[in-house]
PDB file of all heavy atoms in Angstrom:
ATOM      1  N   GLY A   1      24.885  11.080 -47.926  1.00  0.00           N
ATOM      2  CA  GLY A   1      26.128  10.566 -48.498  1.00  0.00           C
ATOM      3  C   GLY A   1      27.227  11.616 -48.512  1.00  0.00           C
ATOM      4  O   GLY A   1      28.379  11.334 -48.166  1.00  0.00           O
ATOM      5  N   LEU A   2      26.865  12.833 -48.898  1.00  0.00           N
ATOM      6  CA  LEU A   2      27.857  13.911 -48.901  1.00  0.00           C
ATOM      7  C   LEU A   2      28.368  14.207 -47.501  1.00  0.00           C
ATOM      8  O   LEU A   2      29.569  14.406 -47.293  1.00  0.00           O
ATOM      9  CB  LEU A   2      27.260  15.180 -49.517  1.00  0.00           C
ATOM     10  CG  LEU A   2      27.053  15.157 -51.020  1.00  0.00           C
ATOM     11  CD1 LEU A   2      26.261  16.378 -51.475  1.00  0.00           C
ATOM     12  CD2 LEU A   2      28.391  15.096 -51.732  1.00  0.00           C
ATOM     13  N   LEU A   3      27.461  14.245 -46.534  1.00  0.00           N
ATOM     14  CA  LEU A   3      27.864  14.490 -45.152  1.00  0.00           C
ATOM     15  C   LEU A   3      28.802  13.393 -44.649  1.00  0.00           C
ATOM     16  O   LEU A   3      29.862  13.672 -44.080  1.00  0.00           O
ATOM     17  CB  LEU A   3      26.626  14.586 -44.246  1.00  0.00           C
ATOM     18  CG  LEU A   3      26.890  14.746 -42.754  1.00  0.00           C
ATOM     19  CD1 LEU A   3      27.637  16.044 -42.468  1.00  0.00           C
ATOM     20  CD2 LEU A   3      25.566  14.707 -41.988  1.00  0.00           C
ATOM     21  N   ALA A   4      28.427  12.150 -44.869  1.00  0.00           N
ATOM     22  CA  ALA A   4      29.253  11.020 -44.415  1.00  0.00           C
ATOM     23  C   ALA A   4      30.618  11.026 -45.102  1.00  0.00           C
ATOM     24  O   ALA A   4      31.649  10.842 -44.453  1.00  0.00           O
ATOM     25  CB  ALA A   4      28.530   9.702 -44.673  1.00  0.00           C
ATOM     26  N   TYR A   5      30.619  11.252 -46.395  1.00  0.00           N
ATOM     27  CA  TYR A   5      31.879  11.249 -47.144  1.00  0.00           C
ATOM     28  C   TYR A   5      32.778  12.401 -46.712  1.00  0.00           C
ATOM     29  O   TYR A   5      33.991  12.240 -46.565  1.00  0.00           O
ATOM     30  CB  TYR A   5      31.582  11.315 -48.644  1.00  0.00           C
ATOM     31  CG  TYR A   5      32.719  10.848 -49.501  1.00  0.00           C
ATOM     32  CD1 TYR A   5      33.127   9.523 -49.487  1.00  0.00           C
ATOM     33  CD2 TYR A   5      33.392  11.721 -50.339  1.00  0.00           C
ATOM     34  CE1 TYR A   5      34.173   9.080 -50.273  1.00  0.00           C
ATOM     35  CE2 TYR A   5      34.440  11.295 -51.139  1.00  0.00           C
ATOM     36  CZ  TYR A   5      34.817   9.973 -51.096  1.00  0.00           C
ATOM     37  OH  TYR A   5      35.857   9.537 -51.877  1.00  0.00           O
ATOM     38  N   TYR A   6      32.187  13.557 -46.480  1.00  0.00           N
ATOM     39  CA  TYR A   6      32.941  14.732 -46.013  1.00  0.00           C
ATOM     40  C   TYR A   6      33.617  14.442 -44.672  1.00  0.00           C
ATOM     41  O   TYR A   6      34.796  14.727 -44.483  1.00  0.00           O
ATOM     42  CB  TYR A   6      31.999  15.935 -45.898  1.00  0.00           C
ATOM     43  CG  TYR A   6      32.647  17.166 -45.336  1.00  0.00           C
ATOM     44  CD1 TYR A   6      33.467  17.964 -46.136  1.00  0.00           C
ATOM     45  CD2 TYR A   6      32.461  17.533 -44.009  1.00  0.00           C
ATOM     46  CE1 TYR A   6      34.078  19.091 -45.621  1.00  0.00           C
ATOM     47  CE2 TYR A   6      33.064  18.658 -43.487  1.00  0.00           C
ATOM     48  CZ  TYR A   6      33.874  19.434 -44.293  1.00  0.00           C
ATOM     49  OH  TYR A   6      34.480  20.544 -43.778  1.00  0.00           O
ATOM     50  N   VAL A   7      32.871  13.847 -43.747  1.00  0.00           N
ATOM     51  CA  VAL A   7      33.428  13.544 -42.430  1.00  0.00           C
ATOM     52  C   VAL A   7      34.554  12.521 -42.539  1.00  0.00           C
ATOM     53  O   VAL A   7      35.623  12.682 -41.942  1.00  0.00           O
ATOM     54  CB  VAL A   7      32.320  13.060 -41.457  1.00  0.00           C
ATOM     55  CG1 VAL A   7      32.916  12.544 -40.161  1.00  0.00           C
ATOM     56  CG2 VAL A   7      31.333  14.180 -41.172  1.00  0.00           C
ATOM     57  N   THR A   8      34.340  11.465 -43.326  1.00  0.00           N
ATOM     58  CA  THR A   8      35.384  10.434 -43.438  1.00  0.00           C
ATOM     59  C   THR A   8      36.632  10.972 -44.132  1.00  0.00           C
ATOM     60  O   THR A   8      37.745  10.587 -43.767  1.00  0.00           O
ATOM     61  CB  THR A   8      34.895   9.172 -44.176  1.00  0.00           C
ATOM     62  OG1 THR A   8      34.386   9.547 -45.441  1.00  0.00           O
ATOM     63  CG2 THR A   8      33.863   8.440 -43.384  1.00  0.00           C
ATOM     64  N   LEU A   9      36.460  11.851 -45.101  1.00  0.00           N
ATOM     65  CA  LEU A   9      37.636  12.432 -45.751  1.00  0.00           C
ATOM     66  C   LEU A   9      38.388  13.349 -44.792  1.00  0.00           C
ATOM     67  O   LEU A   9      39.617  13.355 -44.767  1.00  0.00           O
ATOM     68  CB  LEU A   9      37.234  13.199 -47.012  1.00  0.00           C
ATOM     69  CG  LEU A   9      36.817  12.348 -48.208  1.00  0.00           C
ATOM     70  CD1 LEU A   9      36.422  13.237 -49.374  1.00  0.00           C
ATOM     71  CD2 LEU A   9      37.914  11.393 -48.627  1.00  0.00           C
ATOM     72  N   ASN A  10      37.649  14.130 -44.006  1.00  0.00           N
ATOM     73  CA  ASN A  10      38.315  15.011 -43.041  1.00  0.00           C
ATOM     74  C   ASN A  10      39.030  14.236 -41.949  1.00  0.00           C
ATOM     75  O   ASN A  10      40.060  14.681 -41.451  1.00  0.00           O
ATOM     76  CB  ASN A  10      37.313  15.989 -42.414  1.00  0.00           C
ATOM     77  CG  ASN A  10      37.109  17.197 -43.296  1.00  0.00           C
ATOM     78  OD1 ASN A  10      37.917  17.497 -44.161  1.00  0.00           O
ATOM     79  ND2 ASN A  10      36.016  17.895 -43.079  1.00  0.00           N
ATOM     80  N   LEU A  11      38.478  13.099 -41.557  1.00  0.00           N
ATOM     81  CA  LEU A  11      39.136  12.262 -40.552  1.00  0.00           C
ATOM     82  C   LEU A  11      40.202  11.357 -41.163  1.00  0.00           C
ATOM     83  O   LEU A  11      40.888  10.640 -40.447  1.00  0.00           O
ATOM     84  CB  LEU A  11      38.096  11.413 -39.815  1.00  0.00           C
ATOM     85  CG  LEU A  11      37.095  12.181 -38.958  1.00  0.00           C
ATOM     86  CD1 LEU A  11      36.057  11.236 -38.364  1.00  0.00           C
ATOM     87  CD2 LEU A  11      37.805  12.968 -37.861  1.00  0.00           C
ATOM     88  N   GLN A  12      40.309  11.379 -42.494  1.00  0.00           N
ATOM     89  CA  GLN A  12      41.272  10.580 -43.250  1.00  0.00           C
ATOM     90  C   GLN A  12      41.179   9.097 -42.883  1.00  0.00           C
ATOM     91  O   GLN A  12      42.175   8.446 -42.561  1.00  0.00           O
ATOM     92  CB  GLN A  12      42.689  11.115 -43.041  1.00  0.00           C
ATOM     93  CG  GLN A  12      42.845  12.517 -43.535  1.00  0.00           C
ATOM     94  CD  GLN A  12      44.225  13.092 -43.285  1.00  0.00           C
ATOM     95  OE1 GLN A  12      45.046  12.495 -42.599  1.00  0.00           O
ATOM     96  NE2 GLN A  12      44.480  14.250 -43.852  1.00  0.00           N
ATOM     97  N   LEU A  13      39.960   8.581 -42.964  1.00  0.00           N
ATOM     98  CA  LEU A  13      39.739   7.178 -42.630  1.00  0.00           C
ATOM     99  C   LEU A  13      40.147   6.280 -43.797  1.00  0.00           C
ATOM    100  O   LEU A  13      40.314   6.723 -44.929  1.00  0.00           O
ATOM    101  CB  LEU A  13      38.290   6.951 -42.224  1.00  0.00           C
ATOM    102  CG  LEU A  13      37.866   7.698 -40.957  1.00  0.00           C
ATOM    103  CD1 LEU A  13      36.420   7.414 -40.629  1.00  0.00           C
ATOM    104  CD2 LEU A  13      38.752   7.338 -39.779  1.00  0.00           C
ATOM    105  N   TYR A  14      40.255   5.009 -43.505  1.00  0.00           N
ATOM    106  CA  TYR A  14      40.850   4.017 -44.399  1.00  0.00           C
ATOM    107  C   TYR A  14      40.096   3.821 -45.711  1.00  0.00           C
ATOM    108  O   TYR A  14      40.692   3.814 -46.782  1.00  0.00           O
ATOM    109  CB  TYR A  14      40.959   2.696 -43.632  1.00  0.00           C
ATOM    110  CG  TYR A  14      41.444   1.514 -44.421  1.00  0.00           C
ATOM    111  CD1 TYR A  14      42.747   1.460 -44.886  1.00  0.00           C
ATOM    112  CD2 TYR A  14      40.595   0.450 -44.697  1.00  0.00           C
ATOM    113  CE1 TYR A  14      43.206   0.376 -45.600  1.00  0.00           C
ATOM    114  CE2 TYR A  14      41.049  -0.643 -45.411  1.00  0.00           C
ATOM    115  CZ  TYR A  14      42.354  -0.670 -45.863  1.00  0.00           C
ATOM    116  OH  TYR A  14      42.797  -1.746 -46.576  1.00  0.00           O
ATOM    117  N   ASN A  15      38.786   3.623 -45.662  1.00  0.00           N
ATOM    118  CA  ASN A  15      38.020   3.285 -46.856  1.00  0.00           C
ATOM    119  C   ASN A  15      36.677   4.019 -46.840  1.00  0.00           C
ATOM    120  O   ASN A  15      35.664   3.453 -46.434  1.00  0.00           O
ATOM    121  CB  ASN A  15      37.810   1.770 -46.918  1.00  0.00           C
ATOM    122  CG  ASN A  15      37.339   1.306 -48.258  1.00  0.00           C
ATOM    123  OD1 ASN A  15      37.044   2.105 -49.140  1.00  0.00           O
ATOM    124  ND2 ASN A  15      37.262   0.005 -48.431  1.00  0.00           N
ATOM    125  N   PRO A  16      36.627   5.262 -47.320  1.00  0.00           N
ATOM    126  CA  PRO A  16      35.392   6.051 -47.261  1.00  0.00           C
ATOM    127  C   PRO A  16      34.204   5.444 -48.011  1.00  0.00           C
ATOM    128  O   PRO A  16      33.067   5.816 -47.774  1.00  0.00           O
ATOM    129  CB  PRO A  16      35.786   7.389 -47.888  1.00  0.00           C
ATOM    130  CG  PRO A  16      37.262   7.444 -47.808  1.00  0.00           C
ATOM    131  CD  PRO A  16      37.748   6.030 -47.834  1.00  0.00           C
ATOM    132  N   VAL A  17      34.459   4.501 -48.890  1.00  0.00           N
ATOM    133  CA  VAL A  17      33.363   3.862 -49.620  1.00  0.00           C
ATOM    134  C   VAL A  17      32.414   3.161 -48.660  1.00  0.00           C
ATOM    135  O   VAL A  17      31.211   3.102 -48.894  1.00  0.00           O
ATOM    136  CB  VAL A  17      33.948   2.887 -50.671  1.00  0.00           C
ATOM    137  CG1 VAL A  17      32.957   1.851 -51.109  1.00  0.00           C
ATOM    138  CG2 VAL A  17      34.452   3.669 -51.852  1.00  0.00           C
ATOM    139  N   TRP A  18      32.928   2.621 -47.554  1.00  0.00           N
ATOM    140  CA  TRP A  18      32.086   1.920 -46.593  1.00  0.00           C
ATOM    141  C   TRP A  18      30.998   2.828 -46.036  1.00  0.00           C
ATOM    142  O   TRP A  18      29.871   2.402 -45.836  1.00  0.00           O
ATOM    143  CB  TRP A  18      32.918   1.327 -45.462  1.00  0.00           C
ATOM    144  CG  TRP A  18      33.759   0.161 -45.858  1.00  0.00           C
ATOM    145  CD1 TRP A  18      33.552  -0.690 -46.912  1.00  0.00           C
ATOM    146  CD2 TRP A  18      34.942  -0.289 -45.228  1.00  0.00           C
ATOM    147  NE1 TRP A  18      34.526  -1.647 -46.959  1.00  0.00           N
ATOM    148  CE2 TRP A  18      35.406  -1.421 -45.924  1.00  0.00           C
ATOM    149  CE3 TRP A  18      35.669   0.153 -44.125  1.00  0.00           C
ATOM    150  CZ2 TRP A  18      36.537  -2.125 -45.573  1.00  0.00           C
ATOM    151  CZ3 TRP A  18      36.803  -0.545 -43.770  1.00  0.00           C
ATOM    152  CH2 TRP A  18      37.231  -1.663 -44.487  1.00  0.00           C
ATOM    153  N   CYS A  19      31.327   4.100 -45.783  1.00  0.00           N
ATOM    154  CA  CYS A  19      30.299   5.008 -45.246  1.00  0.00           C
ATOM    155  C   CYS A  19      29.253   5.313 -46.309  1.00  0.00           C
ATOM    156  O   CYS A  19      28.064   5.419 -46.004  1.00  0.00           O
ATOM    157  CB  CYS A  19      30.921   6.277 -44.674  1.00  0.00           C
ATOM    158  SG  CYS A  19      31.473   7.462 -45.902  1.00  0.00           S
ATOM    159  N   LEU A  20      29.671   5.437 -47.560  1.00  0.00           N
ATOM    160  CA  LEU A  20      28.699   5.700 -48.630  1.00  0.00           C
ATOM    161  C   LEU A  20      27.762   4.519 -48.849  1.00  0.00           C
ATOM    162  O   LEU A  20      26.548   4.701 -49.019  1.00  0.00           O
ATOM    163  CB  LEU A  20      29.422   6.039 -49.938  1.00  0.00           C
ATOM    164  CG  LEU A  20      30.130   7.382 -49.967  1.00  0.00           C
ATOM    165  CD1 LEU A  20      30.923   7.535 -51.253  1.00  0.00           C
ATOM    166  CD2 LEU A  20      29.132   8.508 -49.823  1.00  0.00           C
ATOM    167  N   LEU A  21      28.313   3.321 -48.855  1.00  0.00           N
ATOM    168  CA  LEU A  21      27.468   2.135 -48.997  1.00  0.00           C
ATOM    169  C   LEU A  21      26.498   2.024 -47.825  1.00  0.00           C
ATOM    170  O   LEU A  21      25.338   1.651 -48.005  1.00  0.00           O
ATOM    171  CB  LEU A  21      28.331   0.874 -49.099  1.00  0.00           C
ATOM    172  CG  LEU A  21      29.156   0.746 -50.374  1.00  0.00           C
ATOM    173  CD1 LEU A  21      30.090  -0.445 -50.291  1.00  0.00           C
ATOM    174  CD2 LEU A  21      28.259   0.647 -51.587  1.00  0.00           C
ATOM    175  N   THR A  22      26.966   2.365 -46.640  1.00  0.00           N
ATOM    176  CA  THR A  22      26.099   2.340 -45.465  1.00  0.00           C
ATOM    177  C   THR A  22      24.937   3.308 -45.631  1.00  0.00           C
ATOM    178  O   THR A  22      23.790   2.959 -45.361  1.00  0.00           O
ATOM    179  CB  THR A  22      26.912   2.680 -44.199  1.00  0.00           C
ATOM    180  OG1 THR A  22      27.897   1.671 -44.014  1.00  0.00           O
ATOM    181  CG2 THR A  22      26.031   2.765 -42.987  1.00  0.00           C
ATOM    182  N   VAL A  23      25.228   4.512 -46.070  1.00  0.00           N
ATOM    183  CA  VAL A  23      24.161   5.504 -46.287  1.00  0.00           C
ATOM    184  C   VAL A  23      23.153   4.972 -47.297  1.00  0.00           C
ATOM    185  O   VAL A  23      21.942   5.037 -47.067  1.00  0.00           O
ATOM    186  CB  VAL A  23      24.747   6.856 -46.757  1.00  0.00           C
ATOM    187  CG1 VAL A  23      23.658   7.771 -47.291  1.00  0.00           C
ATOM    188  CG2 VAL A  23      25.493   7.542 -45.626  1.00  0.00           C
ATOM    189  N   MET A  24      23.640   4.448 -48.406  1.00  0.00           N
ATOM    190  CA  MET A  24      22.735   3.952 -49.453  1.00  0.00           C
ATOM    191  C   MET A  24      21.834   2.843 -48.926  1.00  0.00           C
ATOM    192  O   MET A  24      20.640   2.807 -49.222  1.00  0.00           O
ATOM    193  CB  MET A  24      23.540   3.440 -50.654  1.00  0.00           C
ATOM    194  CG  MET A  24      24.330   4.498 -51.378  1.00  0.00           C
ATOM    195  SD  MET A  24      23.299   5.727 -52.184  1.00  0.00           S
ATOM    196  CE  MET A  24      22.577   4.745 -53.466  1.00  0.00           C
ATOM    197  N   ILE A  25      22.384   1.932 -48.135  1.00  0.00           N
ATOM    198  CA  ILE A  25      21.610   0.796 -47.640  1.00  0.00           C
ATOM    199  C   ILE A  25      20.651   1.209 -46.538  1.00  0.00           C
ATOM    200  O   ILE A  25      19.484   0.831 -46.528  1.00  0.00           O
ATOM    201  CB  ILE A  25      22.551  -0.333 -47.184  1.00  0.00           C
ATOM    202  CG1 ILE A  25      23.258  -0.925 -48.407  1.00  0.00           C
ATOM    203  CG2 ILE A  25      21.808  -1.400 -46.409  1.00  0.00           C
ATOM    204  CD1 ILE A  25      24.425  -1.812 -48.092  1.00  0.00           C
ATOM    205  N   VAL A  26      21.129   2.033 -45.611  1.00  0.00           N
ATOM    206  CA  VAL A  26      20.288   2.433 -44.479  1.00  0.00           C
ATOM    207  C   VAL A  26      19.143   3.328 -44.941  1.00  0.00           C
ATOM    208  O   VAL A  26      18.021   3.234 -44.436  1.00  0.00           O
ATOM    209  CB  VAL A  26      21.151   3.127 -43.393  1.00  0.00           C
ATOM    210  CG1 VAL A  26      20.294   3.801 -42.346  1.00  0.00           C
ATOM    211  CG2 VAL A  26      22.080   2.130 -42.742  1.00  0.00           C
ATOM    212  N   MET A  27      19.388   4.168 -45.921  1.00  0.00           N
ATOM    213  CA  MET A  27      18.347   5.087 -46.395  1.00  0.00           C
ATOM    214  C   MET A  27      17.212   4.360 -47.126  1.00  0.00           C
ATOM    215  O   MET A  27      16.164   4.947 -47.363  1.00  0.00           O
ATOM    216  CB  MET A  27      18.950   6.160 -47.315  1.00  0.00           C
ATOM    217  CG  MET A  27      19.806   7.175 -46.597  1.00  0.00           C
ATOM    218  SD  MET A  27      18.908   8.187 -45.407  1.00  0.00           S
ATOM    219  CE  MET A  27      17.980   9.249 -46.488  1.00  0.00           C
ATOM    220  N   LEU A  28      17.405   3.099 -47.455  1.00  0.00           N
ATOM    221  CA  LEU A  28      16.332   2.352 -48.116  1.00  0.00           C
ATOM    222  C   LEU A  28      15.130   2.129 -47.199  1.00  0.00           C
ATOM    223  O   LEU A  28      14.037   1.861 -47.677  1.00  0.00           O
ATOM    224  CB  LEU A  28      16.848   1.012 -48.632  1.00  0.00           C
ATOM    225  CG  LEU A  28      17.811   1.099 -49.812  1.00  0.00           C
ATOM    226  CD1 LEU A  28      18.348  -0.287 -50.144  1.00  0.00           C
ATOM    227  CD2 LEU A  28      17.151   1.731 -51.016  1.00  0.00           C
ATOM    228  N   ALA A  29      15.352   2.226 -45.890  1.00  0.00           N
ATOM    229  CA  ALA A  29      14.226   2.127 -44.962  1.00  0.00           C
ATOM    230  C   ALA A  29      13.335   3.347 -45.181  1.00  0.00           C
ATOM    231  O   ALA A  29      13.819   4.455 -45.413  1.00  0.00           O
ATOM    232  CB  ALA A  29      14.728   2.065 -43.523  1.00  0.00           C
ATOM    233  N   LYS A  30      12.047   3.162 -45.092  1.00  0.00           N
ATOM    234  CA  LYS A  30      11.107   4.217 -45.480  1.00  0.00           C
ATOM    235  C   LYS A  30      10.908   5.277 -44.404  1.00  0.00           C
ATOM    236  O   LYS A  30      10.782   6.454 -44.704  1.00  0.00           O
ATOM    237  CB  LYS A  30       9.766   3.551 -45.815  1.00  0.00           C
ATOM    238  CG  LYS A  30       8.734   4.464 -46.391  1.00  0.00           C
ATOM    239  CD  LYS A  30       7.496   3.673 -46.794  1.00  0.00           C
ATOM    240  CE  LYS A  30       6.437   4.540 -47.403  1.00  0.00           C
ATOM    241  NZ  LYS A  30       5.267   3.789 -47.798  1.00  0.00           N
ATOM    242  N   TYR A  31      10.887   4.865 -43.159  1.00  0.00           N
ATOM    243  CA  TYR A  31      10.529   5.770 -42.071  1.00  0.00           C
ATOM    244  C   TYR A  31      11.739   6.144 -41.226  1.00  0.00           C
ATOM    245  O   TYR A  31      12.709   5.395 -41.150  1.00  0.00           O
ATOM    246  CB  TYR A  31       9.479   5.117 -41.163  1.00  0.00           C
ATOM    247  CG  TYR A  31       8.265   4.617 -41.903  1.00  0.00           C
ATOM    248  CD1 TYR A  31       8.025   3.260 -42.031  1.00  0.00           C
ATOM    249  CD2 TYR A  31       7.373   5.499 -42.480  1.00  0.00           C
ATOM    250  CE1 TYR A  31       6.913   2.798 -42.708  1.00  0.00           C
ATOM    251  CE2 TYR A  31       6.267   5.045 -43.175  1.00  0.00           C
ATOM    252  CZ  TYR A  31       6.030   3.698 -43.281  1.00  0.00           C
ATOM    253  OH  TYR A  31       4.941   3.241 -43.963  1.00  0.00           O
ATOM    254  N   VAL A  32      11.649   7.286 -40.547  1.00  0.00           N
ATOM    255  CA  VAL A  32      12.732   7.752 -39.686  1.00  0.00           C
ATOM    256  C   VAL A  32      13.047   6.706 -38.617  1.00  0.00           C
ATOM    257  O   VAL A  32      14.214   6.392 -38.372  1.00  0.00           O
ATOM    258  CB  VAL A  32      12.366   9.113 -39.037  1.00  0.00           C
ATOM    259  CG1 VAL A  32      13.409   9.522 -38.022  1.00  0.00           C
ATOM    260  CG2 VAL A  32      12.202  10.184 -40.098  1.00  0.00           C
ATOM    261  N   GLY A  33      12.042   6.147 -37.991  1.00  0.00           N
ATOM    262  CA  GLY A  33      12.261   5.137 -36.957  1.00  0.00           C
ATOM    263  C   GLY A  33      12.908   3.881 -37.501  1.00  0.00           C
ATOM    264  O   GLY A  33      13.762   3.268 -36.849  1.00  0.00           O
ATOM    265  N   ALA A  34      12.525   3.483 -38.697  1.00  0.00           N
ATOM    266  CA  ALA A  34      13.121   2.288 -39.313  1.00  0.00           C
ATOM    267  C   ALA A  34      14.584   2.540 -39.667  1.00  0.00           C
ATOM    268  O   ALA A  34      15.424   1.644 -39.529  1.00  0.00           O
ATOM    269  CB  ALA A  34      12.337   1.887 -40.555  1.00  0.00           C
ATOM    270  N   ILE A  35      14.897   3.749 -40.091  1.00  0.00           N
ATOM    271  CA  ILE A  35      16.288   4.097 -40.396  1.00  0.00           C
ATOM    272  C   ILE A  35      17.113   4.067 -39.119  1.00  0.00           C
ATOM    273  O   ILE A  35      18.225   3.539 -39.095  1.00  0.00           O
ATOM    274  CB  ILE A  35      16.365   5.473 -41.093  1.00  0.00           C
ATOM    275  CG1 ILE A  35      15.779   5.367 -42.501  1.00  0.00           C
ATOM    276  CG2 ILE A  35      17.796   5.994 -41.129  1.00  0.00           C
ATOM    277  CD1 ILE A  35      15.613   6.681 -43.220  1.00  0.00           C
ATOM    278  N   ALA A  36      16.562   4.610 -38.037  1.00  0.00           N
ATOM    279  CA  ALA A  36      17.280   4.611 -36.756  1.00  0.00           C
ATOM    280  C   ALA A  36      17.500   3.184 -36.255  1.00  0.00           C
ATOM    281  O   ALA A  36      18.597   2.833 -35.799  1.00  0.00           O
ATOM    282  CB  ALA A  36      16.517   5.429 -35.724  1.00  0.00           C
ATOM    283  N   GLU A  37      16.465   2.342 -36.359  1.00  0.00           N
ATOM    284  CA  GLU A  37      16.606   0.959 -35.909  1.00  0.00           C
ATOM    285  C   GLU A  37      17.635   0.209 -36.755  1.00  0.00           C
ATOM    286  O   GLU A  37      18.492  -0.504 -36.225  1.00  0.00           O
ATOM    287  CB  GLU A  37      15.267   0.228 -35.968  1.00  0.00           C
ATOM    288  CG  GLU A  37      15.368  -1.219 -35.538  1.00  0.00           C
ATOM    289  CD  GLU A  37      14.080  -2.004 -35.737  1.00  0.00           C
ATOM    290  OE1 GLU A  37      13.281  -1.632 -36.616  1.00  0.00           O
ATOM    291  OE2 GLU A  37      13.898  -2.998 -35.014  1.00  0.00           O
ATOM    292  N   LYS A  38      17.562   0.394 -38.057  1.00  0.00           N
ATOM    293  CA  LYS A  38      18.507  -0.278 -38.948  1.00  0.00           C
ATOM    294  C   LYS A  38      19.934   0.200 -38.668  1.00  0.00           C
ATOM    295  O   LYS A  38      20.881  -0.582 -38.721  1.00  0.00           O
ATOM    296  CB  LYS A  38      18.117   0.013 -40.406  1.00  0.00           C
ATOM    297  CG  LYS A  38      18.732  -0.892 -41.406  1.00  0.00           C
ATOM    298  CD  LYS A  38      18.095  -0.691 -42.767  1.00  0.00           C
ATOM    299  CE  LYS A  38      18.542  -1.771 -43.716  1.00  0.00           C
ATOM    300  NZ  LYS A  38      17.930  -1.665 -45.023  1.00  0.00           N
TER     301      LYS A  38
END
C-alpha cells in the first residue's frame, strides 16, 4: 500500500485511493500465484 500510494502521489494521479483499495483487495489472495492471477 505504501509503495502504491507513493508512486501515485509522485505521478500526481487523479484518485490515489483506487490504488490502495486495489492493494487491499488483491492481497487477500493467499499465494503469490493467486495474487498475480488476480
